[in-house]
Amino acid sequence: MFSLFQNLAFRQFLRIFASMEAKINWKLVISFIIIIGGLIYITESYLMTIGIMLLLFVAYDFVLKKAKDEEEKEKKENQS
């Protein structure tokens, strides 16, 4: 009975997330692949490359959030 519940829960999970349409920025993906390849060539270490890429992802997310906040702030100023 427990495995039946797990199977149903997994199917529901797949139904929800498989139906979502992902918008992939292919230019960003290709640039990250090039950066990863260059870092592996320069550092000759996969672990260091992974660490640097994680830092780059955090920096990218920070810059993206800051740009969104500035855009929302500008919209509020224009509305008032």
PDB file of N, CA and C in Angstrom:
ATOM      1  N   MET A   1       0.822  -1.193   0.000  1.00  0.00           N
ATOM      2  CA  MET A   1       0.000   0.000   0.000  1.00  0.00           C
ATOM      3  C   MET A   1       0.868   1.259   0.000  1.00  0.00           C
ATOM      4  N   PHE A   2       1.965   1.211   0.776  1.00  0.00           N
ATOM      5  CA  PHE A   2       2.843   2.366   0.857  1.00  0.00           C
ATOM      6  C   PHE A   2       3.509   2.653  -0.489  1.00  0.00           C
ATOM      7  N   SER A   3       3.914   1.616  -1.206  1.00  0.00           N
ATOM      8  CA  SER A   3       4.556   1.826  -2.506  1.00  0.00           C
ATOM      9  C   SER A   3       3.543   2.380  -3.526  1.00  0.00           C
ATOM     10  N   LEU A   4       2.284   2.002  -3.386  1.00  0.00           N
ATOM     11  CA  LEU A   4       1.251   2.544  -4.267  1.00  0.00           C
ATOM     12  C   LEU A   4       1.103   4.050  -4.039  1.00  0.00           C
ATOM     13  N   PHE A   5       1.130   4.471  -2.771  1.00  0.00           N
ATOM     14  CA  PHE A   5       1.038   5.894  -2.452  1.00  0.00           C
ATOM     15  C   PHE A   5       2.240   6.656  -3.004  1.00  0.00           C
ATOM     16  N   GLN A   6       3.440   6.079  -2.864  1.00  0.00           N
ATOM     17  CA  GLN A   6       4.639   6.720  -3.401  1.00  0.00           C
ATOM     18  C   GLN A   6       4.548   6.851  -4.914  1.00  0.00           C
ATOM     19  N   ASN A   7       4.057   5.812  -5.564  1.00  0.00           N
ATOM     20  CA  ASN A   7       3.933   5.826  -7.020  1.00  0.00           C
ATOM     21  C   ASN A   7       2.951   6.907  -7.462  1.00  0.00           C
ATOM     22  N   LEU A   8       1.833   7.028  -6.778  1.00  0.00           N
ATOM     23  CA  LEU A   8       0.846   8.055  -7.113  1.00  0.00           C
ATOM     24  C   LEU A   8       1.397   9.458  -6.853  1.00  0.00           C
ATOM     25  N   ALA A   9       2.111   9.620  -5.757  1.00  0.00           N
ATOM     26  CA  ALA A   9       2.690  10.928  -5.441  1.00  0.00           C
ATOM     27  C   ALA A   9       3.728  11.309  -6.493  1.00  0.00           C
ATOM     28  N   PHE A  10       4.529  10.344  -6.915  1.00  0.00           N
ATOM     29  CA  PHE A  10       5.536  10.619  -7.936  1.00  0.00           C
ATOM     30  C   PHE A  10       4.878  10.964  -9.270  1.00  0.00           C
ATOM     31  N   ARG A  11       3.813  10.265  -9.620  1.00  0.00           N
ATOM     32  CA  ARG A  11       3.095  10.581 -10.860  1.00  0.00           C
ATOM     33  C   ARG A  11       2.497  11.977 -10.814  1.00  0.00           C
ATOM     34  N   GLN A  12       1.955  12.365  -9.665  1.00  0.00           N
ATOM     35  CA  GLN A  12       1.401  13.712  -9.529  1.00  0.00           C
ATOM     36  C   GLN A  12       2.512  14.749  -9.644  1.00  0.00           C
ATOM     37  N   PHE A  13       3.651  14.465  -9.040  1.00  0.00           N
ATOM     38  CA  PHE A  13       4.803  15.354  -9.139  1.00  0.00           C
ATOM     39  C   PHE A  13       5.221  15.537 -10.593  1.00  0.00           C
ATOM     40  N   LEU A  14       5.306  14.442 -11.333  1.00  0.00           N
ATOM     41  CA  LEU A  14       5.686  14.523 -12.739  1.00  0.00           C
ATOM     42  C   LEU A  14       4.643  15.273 -13.561  1.00  0.00           C
ATOM     43  N   ARG A  15       3.379  15.055 -13.267  1.00  0.00           N
ATOM     44  CA  ARG A  15       2.313  15.718 -14.013  1.00  0.00           C
ATOM     45  C   ARG A  15       2.388  17.234 -13.836  1.00  0.00           C
ATOM     46  N   ILE A  16       2.698  17.677 -12.634  1.00  0.00           N
ATOM     47  CA  ILE A  16       2.771  19.110 -12.370  1.00  0.00           C
ATOM     48  C   ILE A  16       3.989  19.720 -13.042  1.00  0.00           C
ATOM     49  N   PHE A  17       5.145  19.119 -12.861  1.00  0.00           N
ATOM     50  CA  PHE A  17       6.376  19.745 -13.335  1.00  0.00           C
ATOM     51  C   PHE A  17       6.704  19.431 -14.787  1.00  0.00           C
ATOM     52  N   ALA A  18       6.198  18.343 -15.316  1.00  0.00           N
ATOM     53  CA  ALA A  18       6.460  18.034 -16.717  1.00  0.00           C
ATOM     54  C   ALA A  18       5.626  18.913 -17.628  1.00  0.00           C
ATOM     55  N   SER A  19       4.516  19.408 -17.126  1.00  0.00           N
ATOM     56  CA  SER A  19       3.667  20.251 -17.957  1.00  0.00           C
ATOM     57  C   SER A  19       4.148  21.704 -17.984  1.00  0.00           C
ATOM     58  N   MET A  20       5.069  22.053 -17.090  1.00  0.00           N
ATOM     59  CA  MET A  20       5.575  23.424 -17.054  1.00  0.00           C
ATOM     60  C   MET A  20       6.499  23.656 -18.247  1.00  0.00           C
ATOM     61  N   GLU A  21       6.374  24.812 -18.836  1.00  0.00           N
ATOM     62  CA  GLU A  21       7.184  25.134 -20.005  1.00  0.00           C
ATOM     63  C   GLU A  21       8.401  25.934 -19.540  1.00  0.00           C
ATOM     64  N   ALA A  22       9.580  25.392 -19.796  1.00  0.00           N
ATOM     65  CA  ALA A  22      10.810  26.057 -19.377  1.00  0.00           C
ATOM     66  C   ALA A  22      11.286  26.991 -20.475  1.00  0.00           C
ATOM     67  N   LYS A  23      11.608  28.204 -20.073  1.00  0.00           N
ATOM     68  CA  LYS A  23      12.178  29.160 -21.013  1.00  0.00           C
ATOM     69  C   LYS A  23      13.678  29.198 -20.772  1.00  0.00           C
ATOM     70  N   ILE A  24      14.428  28.674 -21.703  1.00  0.00           N
ATOM     71  CA  ILE A  24      15.873  28.570 -21.552  1.00  0.00           C
ATOM     72  C   ILE A  24      16.541  29.652 -22.383  1.00  0.00           C
ATOM     73  N   ASN A  25      17.425  30.389 -21.742  1.00  0.00           N
ATOM     74  CA  ASN A  25      18.207  31.405 -22.424  1.00  0.00           C
ATOM     75  C   ASN A  25      19.454  30.709 -22.989  1.00  0.00           C
ATOM     76  N   TRP A  26      19.405  30.363 -24.266  1.00  0.00           N
ATOM     77  CA  TRP A  26      20.465  29.558 -24.857  1.00  0.00           C
ATOM     78  C   TRP A  26      21.789  30.305 -24.948  1.00  0.00           C
ATOM     79  N   LYS A  27      21.752  31.618 -25.100  1.00  0.00           N
ATOM     80  CA  LYS A  27      22.994  32.393 -25.119  1.00  0.00           C
ATOM     81  C   LYS A  27      23.702  32.285 -23.775  1.00  0.00           C
ATOM     82  N   LEU A  28      22.936  32.319 -22.691  1.00  0.00           N
ATOM     83  CA  LEU A  28      23.504  32.202 -21.361  1.00  0.00           C
ATOM     84  C   LEU A  28      24.081  30.803 -21.139  1.00  0.00           C
ATOM     85  N   VAL A  29      23.353  29.785 -21.589  1.00  0.00           N
ATOM     86  CA  VAL A  29      23.822  28.409 -21.435  1.00  0.00           C
ATOM     87  C   VAL A  29      25.128  28.195 -22.185  1.00  0.00           C
ATOM     88  N   ILE A  30      25.199  28.675 -23.409  1.00  0.00           N
ATOM     89  CA  ILE A  30      26.416  28.513 -24.218  1.00  0.00           C
ATOM     90  C   ILE A  30      27.572  29.286 -23.586  1.00  0.00           C
ATOM     91  N   SER A  31      27.302  30.490 -23.082  1.00  0.00           N
ATOM     92  CA  SER A  31      28.389  31.248 -22.453  1.00  0.00           C
ATOM     93  C   SER A  31      28.894  30.545 -21.205  1.00  0.00           C
ATOM     94  N   PHE A  32      28.000  29.955 -20.401  1.00  0.00           N
ATOM     95  CA  PHE A  32      28.445  29.214 -19.225  1.00  0.00           C
ATOM     96  C   PHE A  32      29.237  27.970 -19.614  1.00  0.00           C
ATOM     97  N   ILE A  33      28.863  27.297 -20.668  1.00  0.00           N
ATOM     98  CA  ILE A  33      29.615  26.124 -21.125  1.00  0.00           C
ATOM     99  C   ILE A  33      31.017  26.532 -21.562  1.00  0.00           C
ATOM    100  N   ILE A  34      31.135  27.646 -22.256  1.00  0.00           N
ATOM    101  CA  ILE A  34      32.447  28.131 -22.679  1.00  0.00           C
ATOM    102  C   ILE A  34      33.288  28.509 -21.455  1.00  0.00           C
ATOM    103  N   ILE A  35      32.661  29.172 -20.480  1.00  0.00           N
ATOM    104  CA  ILE A  35      33.384  29.547 -19.261  1.00  0.00           C
ATOM    105  C   ILE A  35      33.842  28.306 -18.509  1.00  0.00           C
ATOM    106  N   ILE A  36      32.984  27.307 -18.409  1.00  0.00           N
ATOM    107  CA  ILE A  36      33.355  26.067 -17.718  1.00  0.00           C
ATOM    108  C   ILE A  36      34.526  25.399 -18.418  1.00  0.00           C
ATOM    109  N   GLY A  37      34.468  25.315 -19.747  1.00  0.00           N
ATOM    110  CA  GLY A  37      35.569  24.710 -20.496  1.00  0.00           C
ATOM    111  C   GLY A  37      36.875  25.457 -20.288  1.00  0.00           C
ATOM    112  N   GLY A  38      36.806  26.786 -20.308  1.00  0.00           N
ATOM    113  CA  GLY A  38      38.016  27.580 -20.080  1.00  0.00           C
ATOM    114  C   GLY A  38      38.557  27.405 -18.675  1.00  0.00           C
ATOM    115  N   LEU A  39      37.673  27.354 -17.694  1.00  0.00           N
ATOM    116  CA  LEU A  39      38.129  27.168 -16.317  1.00  0.00           C
ATOM    117  C   LEU A  39      38.767  25.800 -16.109  1.00  0.00           C
ATOM    118  N   ILE A  40      38.195  24.775 -16.714  1.00  0.00           N
ATOM    119  CA  ILE A  40      38.790  23.438 -16.598  1.00  0.00           C
ATOM    120  C   ILE A  40      40.172  23.443 -17.245  1.00  0.00           C
ATOM    121  N   TYR A  41      40.318  24.109 -18.374  1.00  0.00           N
ATOM    122  CA  TYR A  41      41.615  24.190 -19.051  1.00  0.00           C
ATOM    123  C   TYR A  41      42.634  24.956 -18.205  1.00  0.00           C
ATOM    124  N   ILE A  42      42.203  26.067 -17.605  1.00  0.00           N
ATOM    125  CA  ILE A  42      43.125  26.908 -16.828  1.00  0.00           C
ATOM    126  C   ILE A  42      43.498  26.252 -15.497  1.00  0.00           C
ATOM    127  N   THR A  43      42.490  25.795 -14.747  1.00  0.00           N
ATOM    128  CA  THR A  43      42.744  25.297 -13.391  1.00  0.00           C
ATOM    129  C   THR A  43      43.155  23.839 -13.352  1.00  0.00           C
ATOM    130  N   GLU A  44      42.782  23.069 -14.363  1.00  0.00           N
ATOM    131  CA  GLU A  44      43.027  21.622 -14.411  1.00  0.00           C
ATOM    132  C   GLU A  44      42.443  20.910 -13.193  1.00  0.00           C
ATOM    133  N   SER A  45      41.364  21.470 -12.642  1.00  0.00           N
ATOM    134  CA  SER A  45      40.710  20.889 -11.478  1.00  0.00           C
ATOM    135  C   SER A  45      39.200  21.080 -11.608  1.00  0.00           C
ATOM    136  N   TYR A  46      38.491  19.970 -11.554  1.00  0.00           N
ATOM    137  CA  TYR A  46      37.043  20.049 -11.654  1.00  0.00           C
ATOM    138  C   TYR A  46      36.436  20.681 -10.409  1.00  0.00           C
ATOM    139  N   LEU A  47      36.996  20.394  -9.235  1.00  0.00           N
ATOM    140  CA  LEU A  47      36.437  20.941  -7.999  1.00  0.00           C
ATOM    141  C   LEU A  47      36.581  22.463  -7.953  1.00  0.00           C
ATOM    142  N   MET A  48      37.718  22.980  -8.370  1.00  0.00           N
ATOM    143  CA  MET A  48      37.898  24.433  -8.383  1.00  0.00           C
ATOM    144  C   MET A  48      36.966  25.071  -9.411  1.00  0.00           C
ATOM    145  N   THR A  49      36.786  24.409 -10.533  1.00  0.00           N
ATOM    146  CA  THR A  49      35.875  24.914 -11.556  1.00  0.00           C
ATOM    147  C   THR A  49      34.450  24.969 -11.025  1.00  0.00           C
ATOM    148  N   ILE A  50      34.033  23.930 -10.324  1.00  0.00           N
ATOM    149  CA  ILE A  50      32.683  23.908  -9.742  1.00  0.00           C
ATOM    150  C   ILE A  50      32.523  25.040  -8.733  1.00  0.00           C
ATOM    151  N   GLY A  51      33.542  25.265  -7.895  1.00  0.00           N
ATOM    152  CA  GLY A  51      33.489  26.344  -6.918  1.00  0.00           C
ATOM    153  C   GLY A  51      33.372  27.707  -7.575  1.00  0.00           C
ATOM    154  N   ILE A  52      34.165  27.949  -8.606  1.00  0.00           N
ATOM    155  CA  ILE A  52      34.119  29.227  -9.314  1.00  0.00           C
ATOM    156  C   ILE A  52      32.772  29.408  -9.999  1.00  0.00           C
ATOM    157  N   MET A  53      32.240  28.355 -10.604  1.00  0.00           N
ATOM    158  CA  MET A  53      30.942  28.457 -11.276  1.00  0.00           C
ATOM    159  C   MET A  53      29.824  28.735 -10.274  1.00  0.00           C
ATOM    160  N   LEU A  54      29.895  28.135  -9.084  1.00  0.00           N
ATOM    161  CA  LEU A  54      28.886  28.435  -8.065  1.00  0.00           C
ATOM    162  C   LEU A  54      28.940  29.908  -7.670  1.00  0.00           C
ATOM    163  N   LEU A  55      30.152  30.439  -7.526  1.00  0.00           N
ATOM    164  CA  LEU A  55      30.276  31.871  -7.226  1.00  0.00           C
ATOM    165  C   LEU A  55      29.719  32.722  -8.358  1.00  0.00           C
ATOM    166  N   LEU A  56      29.951  32.316  -9.598  1.00  0.00           N
ATOM    167  CA  LEU A  56      29.416  33.060 -10.736  1.00  0.00           C
ATOM    168  C   LEU A  56      27.885  33.008 -10.774  1.00  0.00           C
ATOM    169  N   PHE A  57      27.301  31.858 -10.442  1.00  0.00           N
ATOM    170  CA  PHE A  57      25.840  31.744 -10.398  1.00  0.00           C
ATOM    171  C   PHE A  57      25.265  32.665  -9.319  1.00  0.00           C
ATOM    172  N   VAL A  58      25.914  32.716  -8.162  1.00  0.00           N
ATOM    173  CA  VAL A  58      25.445  33.591  -7.086  1.00  0.00           C
ATOM    174  C   VAL A  58      25.542  35.046  -7.523  1.00  0.00           C
ATOM    175  N   ALA A  59      26.656  35.423  -8.139  1.00  0.00           N
ATOM    176  CA  ALA A  59      26.827  36.803  -8.611  1.00  0.00           C
ATOM    177  C   ALA A  59      25.792  37.142  -9.676  1.00  0.00           C
ATOM    178  N   TYR A  60      25.529  36.217 -10.596  1.00  0.00           N
ATOM    179  CA  TYR A  60      24.532  36.445 -11.647  1.00  0.00           C
ATOM    180  C   TYR A  60      23.150  36.647 -11.044  1.00  0.00           C
ATOM    181  N   ASP A  61      22.800  35.817 -10.077  1.00  0.00           N
ATOM    182  CA  ASP A  61      21.500  35.937  -9.425  1.00  0.00           C
ATOM    183  C   ASP A  61      21.390  37.267  -8.685  1.00  0.00           C
ATOM    184  N   PHE A  62      22.462  37.685  -8.016  1.00  0.00           N
ATOM    185  CA  PHE A  62      22.469  38.957  -7.302  1.00  0.00           C
ATOM    186  C   PHE A  62      22.261  40.134  -8.259  1.00  0.00           C
ATOM    187  N   VAL A  63      22.973  40.129  -9.362  1.00  0.00           N
ATOM    188  CA  VAL A  63      22.851  41.213 -10.347  1.00  0.00           C
ATOM    189  C   VAL A  63      21.451  41.230 -10.951  1.00  0.00           C
ATOM    190  N   LEU A  64      20.906  40.053 -11.238  1.00  0.00           N
ATOM    191  CA  LEU A  64      19.567  39.964 -11.807  1.00  0.00           C
ATOM    192  C   LEU A  64      18.515  40.513 -10.844  1.00  0.00           C
ATOM    193  N   LYS A  65      18.609  40.145  -9.570  1.00  0.00           N
ATOM    194  CA  LYS A  65      17.652  40.650  -8.575  1.00  0.00           C
ATOM    195  C   LYS A  65      17.785  42.156  -8.402  1.00  0.00           C
ATOM    196  N   LYS A  66      19.008  42.663  -8.404  1.00  0.00           N
ATOM    197  CA  LYS A  66      19.214  44.098  -8.253  1.00  0.00           C
ATOM    198  C   LYS A  66      18.610  44.856  -9.438  1.00  0.00           C
ATOM    199  N   ALA A  67      18.772  44.321 -10.635  1.00  0.00           N
ATOM    200  CA  ALA A  67      18.199  44.962 -11.823  1.00  0.00           C
ATOM    201  C   ALA A  67      16.675  44.952 -11.762  1.00  0.00           C
ATOM    202  N   LYS A  68      16.082  43.844 -11.303  1.00  0.00           N
ATOM    203  CA  LYS A  68      14.625  43.775 -11.167  1.00  0.00           C
ATOM    204  C   LYS A  68      14.120  44.781 -10.148  1.00  0.00           C
ATOM    205  N   ASP A  69      14.831  44.880  -9.023  1.00  0.00           N
ATOM    206  CA  ASP A  69      14.424  45.838  -7.990  1.00  0.00           C
ATOM    207  C   ASP A  69      14.475  47.265  -8.510  1.00  0.00           C
ATOM    208  N   GLU A  70      15.524  47.594  -9.252  1.00  0.00           N
ATOM    209  CA  GLU A  70      15.638  48.932  -9.811  1.00  0.00           C
ATOM    210  C   GLU A  70      14.530  49.201 -10.834  1.00  0.00           C
ATOM    211  N   GLU A  71      14.187  48.194 -11.617  1.00  0.00           N
ATOM    212  CA  GLU A  71      13.120  48.344 -12.612  1.00  0.00           C
ATOM    213  C   GLU A  71      11.780  48.575 -11.929  1.00  0.00           C
ATOM    214  N   GLU A  72      11.498  47.810 -10.861  1.00  0.00           N
ATOM    215  CA  GLU A  72      10.251  47.993 -10.124  1.00  0.00           C
ATOM    216  C   GLU A  72      10.204  49.360  -9.452  1.00  0.00           C
ATOM    217  N   LYS A  73      11.339  49.799  -8.920  1.00  0.00           N
ATOM    218  CA  LYS A  73      11.400  51.113  -8.281  1.00  0.00           C
ATOM    219  C   LYS A  73      11.144  52.219  -9.299  1.00  0.00           C
ATOM    220  N   GLU A  74      11.702  52.054 -10.485  1.00  0.00           N
ATOM    221  CA  GLU A  74      11.493  53.036 -11.552  1.00  0.00           C
ATOM    222  C   GLU A  74      10.026  53.069 -11.996  1.00  0.00           C
ATOM    223  N   LYS A  75       9.385  51.895 -12.071  1.00  0.00           N
ATOM    224  CA  LYS A  75       7.967  51.845 -12.432  1.00  0.00           C
ATOM    225  C   LYS A  75       7.119  52.569 -11.403  1.00  0.00           C
ATOM    226  N   LYS A  76       7.422  52.357 -10.103  1.00  0.00           N
ATOM    227  CA  LYS A  76       6.665  53.030  -9.048  1.00  0.00           C
ATOM    228  C   LYS A  76       6.823  54.537  -9.129  1.00  0.00           C
ATOM    229  N   GLU A  77       8.042  55.004  -9.420  1.00  0.00           N
ATOM    230  CA  GLU A  77       8.273  56.433  -9.521  1.00  0.00           C
ATOM    231  C   GLU A  77       7.532  57.022 -10.714  1.00  0.00           C
ATOM    232  N   ASN A  78       7.454  56.305 -11.809  1.00  0.00           N
ATOM    233  CA  ASN A  78       6.754  56.788 -13.000  1.00  0.00           C
ATOM    234  C   ASN A  78       5.239  56.812 -12.801  1.00  0.00           C
ATOM    235  N   GLN A  79       4.718  55.899 -11.995  1.00  0.00           N
ATOM    236  CA  GLN A  79       3.276  55.846 -11.756  1.00  0.00           C
ATOM    237  C   GLN A  79       2.801  56.977 -10.857  1.00  0.00           C
ATOM    238  N   SER A  80       3.643  57.428  -9.934  1.00  0.00           N
ATOM    239  CA  SER A  80       3.197  58.473  -9.016  1.00  0.00           C
ATOM    240  C   SER A  80       3.473  59.860  -9.494  1.00  0.00           C
TER     241      SER A  80
END
